[in-house]
Protein backbone atom coordinates (compact mmCIF):
# COMPACT_ATOMS: atom_id res chain seq x y z
CA MET A 1 2.21 -26.50 -11.27
CA SER A 2 1.28 -28.15 -7.96
CA GLN A 3 -1.17 -30.25 -5.96
CA PRO A 4 -3.94 -28.96 -4.17
CA LEU A 5 -3.11 -28.14 -0.23
CA ILE A 6 -5.02 -29.44 2.57
CA GLY A 7 -6.82 -26.74 4.55
CA GLY A 8 -7.87 -24.30 1.84
CA ILE A 9 -5.15 -21.14 1.51
CA LEU A 10 -8.06 -18.93 1.42
CA GLN A 11 -9.31 -20.31 4.69
CA GLN A 12 -5.95 -20.25 6.21
CA ALA A 13 -5.52 -16.31 5.04
CA ARG A 14 -8.50 -15.27 6.87
CA ASN A 15 -7.97 -17.34 9.78
CA ALA A 16 -4.56 -15.30 10.14
CA ARG A 17 -6.27 -12.15 9.68
CA GLN A 18 -4.46 -11.58 6.67
CA LEU A 19 -7.23 -11.69 3.65
CA THR A 20 -9.23 -9.09 1.86
CA SER A 21 -11.93 -10.95 0.11
CA ILE A 22 -13.54 -9.68 -2.99
CA ASP A 23 -17.48 -10.41 -2.94
CA MET A 24 -19.38 -11.95 -5.71
CA GLY A 25 -19.93 -8.54 -8.19
CA GLU A 26 -17.30 -6.88 -6.82
CA THR A 27 -14.27 -5.16 -8.47
CA ARG A 28 -11.33 -3.98 -6.73
CA PHE A 29 -7.54 -2.59 -6.52
CA ILE A 30 -5.52 -3.66 -3.56
CA PRO A 31 -1.83 -2.93 -2.99
CA PHE A 32 0.15 -5.21 -1.44
CA GLY A 33 2.98 -4.21 1.37
CA PRO A 34 3.58 -4.12 4.96
CA LYS A 35 0.39 -2.13 5.83
CA GLN A 36 -1.75 -3.14 3.22
CA SER A 37 -2.83 -6.86 1.88
CA SER A 38 -1.08 -10.09 2.13
CA CYS A 39 -3.67 -12.02 0.29
CA VAL A 40 -6.56 -11.51 -1.54
CA GLY A 41 -8.95 -14.00 -2.52
CA THR A 42 -12.72 -14.55 -3.60
CA GLU A 43 -15.11 -17.67 -2.84
CA GLY A 44 -18.09 -19.00 -4.19
CA LEU A 45 -17.53 -19.77 -7.71
CA ALA A 46 -20.04 -21.60 -9.11
CA GLY A 47 -20.62 -20.67 -12.46
CA CYS A 48 -18.88 -17.37 -11.70
CA THR A 49 -15.98 -15.73 -13.81
CA VAL A 50 -13.27 -14.09 -12.32
CA ALA A 51 -10.71 -11.67 -13.88
CA MET A 52 -7.73 -9.94 -12.40
CA ILE A 53 -4.53 -7.87 -13.12
CA VAL A 54 -1.65 -8.99 -10.81
CA SER A 55 1.92 -7.49 -10.57
CA SER A 56 4.27 -7.74 -7.86
CA HIS A 57 2.67 -4.65 -5.72
CA ALA A 58 -0.65 -4.98 -6.39
CA VAL A 59 -4.00 -7.09 -7.91
CA ILE A 60 -7.01 -5.99 -9.34
CA MET A 61 -9.56 -8.60 -9.16
CA SER A 62 -13.01 -8.82 -10.29
CA HIS A 63 -15.72 -11.33 -9.02
CA ILE A 64 -18.34 -11.28 -11.85
CA LEU A 65 -21.57 -12.85 -11.98
CA PRO A 66 -22.83 -14.83 -15.12
CA THR A 67 -25.77 -12.42 -15.48
CA SER A 68 -23.49 -9.36 -15.24
CA ASP A 69 -22.20 -7.06 -18.17
CA ALA A 70 -18.73 -8.04 -19.20
CA ASN A 71 -17.85 -4.35 -20.52
CA LEU A 72 -19.22 -2.60 -17.49
CA VAL A 73 -17.12 -4.74 -15.46
CA MET A 74 -14.09 -3.98 -17.90
CA ASP A 75 -14.85 -0.40 -17.63
CA THR A 76 -14.23 -0.77 -14.19
CA ILE A 77 -10.86 -2.61 -14.09
CA GLU A 78 -9.62 -0.07 -16.80
CA GLY A 79 -10.63 2.97 -15.12
CA LEU A 80 -8.72 1.01 -11.53
CA TYR A 81 -6.11 0.28 -13.62
CA ASP A 82 -5.11 3.77 -15.37
CA HIS A 83 -5.72 5.01 -11.95
CA ASN A 84 -3.03 3.03 -10.20
CA ARG A 85 -0.99 2.21 -13.49
CA GLN A 86 2.31 2.70 -10.99
CA TRP A 87 1.42 -0.39 -9.04
CA PHE A 88 1.35 -2.18 -12.36
CA ARG A 89 5.03 -2.48 -13.95
CA SER A 90 4.65 -5.75 -15.88
CA PRO A 91 1.49 -6.95 -14.73
CA SER A 92 -0.21 -10.17 -15.63
CA SER A 93 -3.78 -10.51 -16.48
CA THR A 94 -6.15 -13.66 -15.77
CA ILE A 95 -9.31 -15.12 -16.88
CA VAL A 96 -11.14 -17.77 -14.85
CA GLY A 97 -14.09 -19.11 -15.96
CA ALA A 98 -16.48 -22.22 -15.53
CA GLY A 99 -16.03 -24.93 -17.77
CA TYR A 100 -16.34 -28.76 -18.42
CA ASN A 101 -13.48 -30.69 -20.52
CA MET A 102 -11.39 -27.46 -20.80
CA VAL A 103 -13.92 -25.73 -22.47
CA LEU A 104 -15.08 -22.04 -20.92
CA LEU A 105 -18.86 -22.02 -20.61
CA ILE A 106 -18.78 -18.27 -20.73
CA GLY A 107 -17.73 -17.73 -24.13
CA PRO A 108 -18.91 -14.39 -25.14
CA MET A 109 -18.69 -12.82 -21.94
CA ALA A 110 -14.44 -14.33 -22.04
CA ALA A 111 -14.24 -13.12 -25.80
CA ILE A 112 -15.10 -9.42 -24.05
CA ILE A 113 -12.82 -9.54 -21.20
CA GLU A 114 -9.48 -11.26 -23.29
CA ALA A 115 -10.40 -8.37 -25.94
CA ARG A 116 -10.54 -5.71 -23.58
CA PHE A 117 -7.04 -7.12 -21.43
CA GLN A 118 -5.66 -7.60 -25.02
CA ARG A 119 -6.15 -3.50 -25.72
CA LEU A 120 -4.62 -2.95 -22.33
CA THR A 121 -1.69 -5.17 -24.14
CA ILE A 122 -1.70 -7.35 -21.32
CA PRO A 123 -2.99 -11.00 -22.87
CA PRO A 124 -4.75 -12.84 -20.49
CA ARG A 125 -3.89 -16.48 -19.40
CA VAL A 126 -7.53 -18.24 -19.29
CA HIS A 127 -8.08 -21.17 -16.91
CA VAL A 128 -11.28 -23.45 -16.52
CA TYR A 129 -12.88 -24.48 -13.63
CA ASP A 130 -15.44 -27.35 -12.96
CA PRO A 131 -18.68 -25.55 -11.59
CA ASN A 132 -20.23 -28.82 -10.42
CA PRO A 133 -20.18 -28.97 -6.98
CA LEU A 134 -20.63 -32.76 -7.15
CA SER A 135 -17.29 -33.28 -9.25
CA SER A 136 -14.92 -33.14 -5.84
CA GLU A 137 -14.77 -31.30 -2.85
CA PHE A 138 -12.00 -30.34 -1.03
CA ALA A 139 -10.84 -27.41 1.14
CA GLY A 140 -9.89 -25.05 -1.49
CA ARG A 141 -13.15 -25.82 -3.83
CA GLY A 142 -14.35 -22.52 -5.56
CA THR A 143 -11.67 -20.23 -4.51
CA ILE A 144 -9.04 -17.87 -6.15
CA VAL A 145 -6.45 -16.45 -3.69
CA VAL A 146 -3.34 -14.14 -5.02
CA ASP A 147 -0.61 -14.25 -2.09
CA SER A 148 2.21 -12.16 -1.68
CA ARG A 149 3.32 -13.43 2.02
CA GLY A 150 6.07 -15.17 0.45
CA GLN A 151 9.22 -14.24 -1.97
CA THR A 152 6.98 -14.76 -4.66
CA ILE A 153 3.39 -13.53 -5.84
CA ASN A 154 1.41 -16.74 -5.96
CA VAL A 155 -1.69 -17.01 -7.82
CA TYR A 156 -4.22 -20.28 -6.16
CA ILE A 157 -7.10 -21.58 -8.26
CA GLU A 158 -8.96 -23.68 -5.86
CA ASP A 159 -5.97 -24.22 -4.08
CA THR A 160 -3.45 -24.90 -6.96
CA LEU A 161 -0.66 -22.75 -7.90
CA VAL A 162 -0.94 -21.43 -11.28
CA GLU A 163 1.44 -18.61 -11.63
CA CYS A 164 4.43 -16.95 -9.62
CA ILE A 165 5.40 -13.66 -10.10
CA GLU A 166 8.65 -12.27 -9.21
CA ARG A 167 9.19 -9.45 -6.85
């Protein structure tokens, strides 16, 4: 939707103390709001997968290692979604995975995640990133950010805007 930004959105949010960071192997529910988080993000994607459910009020984000059990991760995501369903009117779901030439390398894992999102009646958008660190170097490399600081909730993959959610 847009070109990558100079400076790195995740790093800018971190510097402004507006970032809730999701670590490798972690799955969390984060609400948005004045006393809540402004930005939620993860970094260090180099073969990992990110699965998330986003609404205008909150995000569930999971940074999934290649060796993770996708069913166990999705059990956690579904549990968080069920427990916090009031935060997710009109949600969207996204899978971000490593790949080459726009083909996911994590086919079986992606299929499990996609089927589980379909079961929740939240069909996912699928995005592919190049895990090769030599393919390009820029500030947002290997990052995913959900930014609630503006009039819309913006989802960035490697600093490229891929989704806007109206409040």
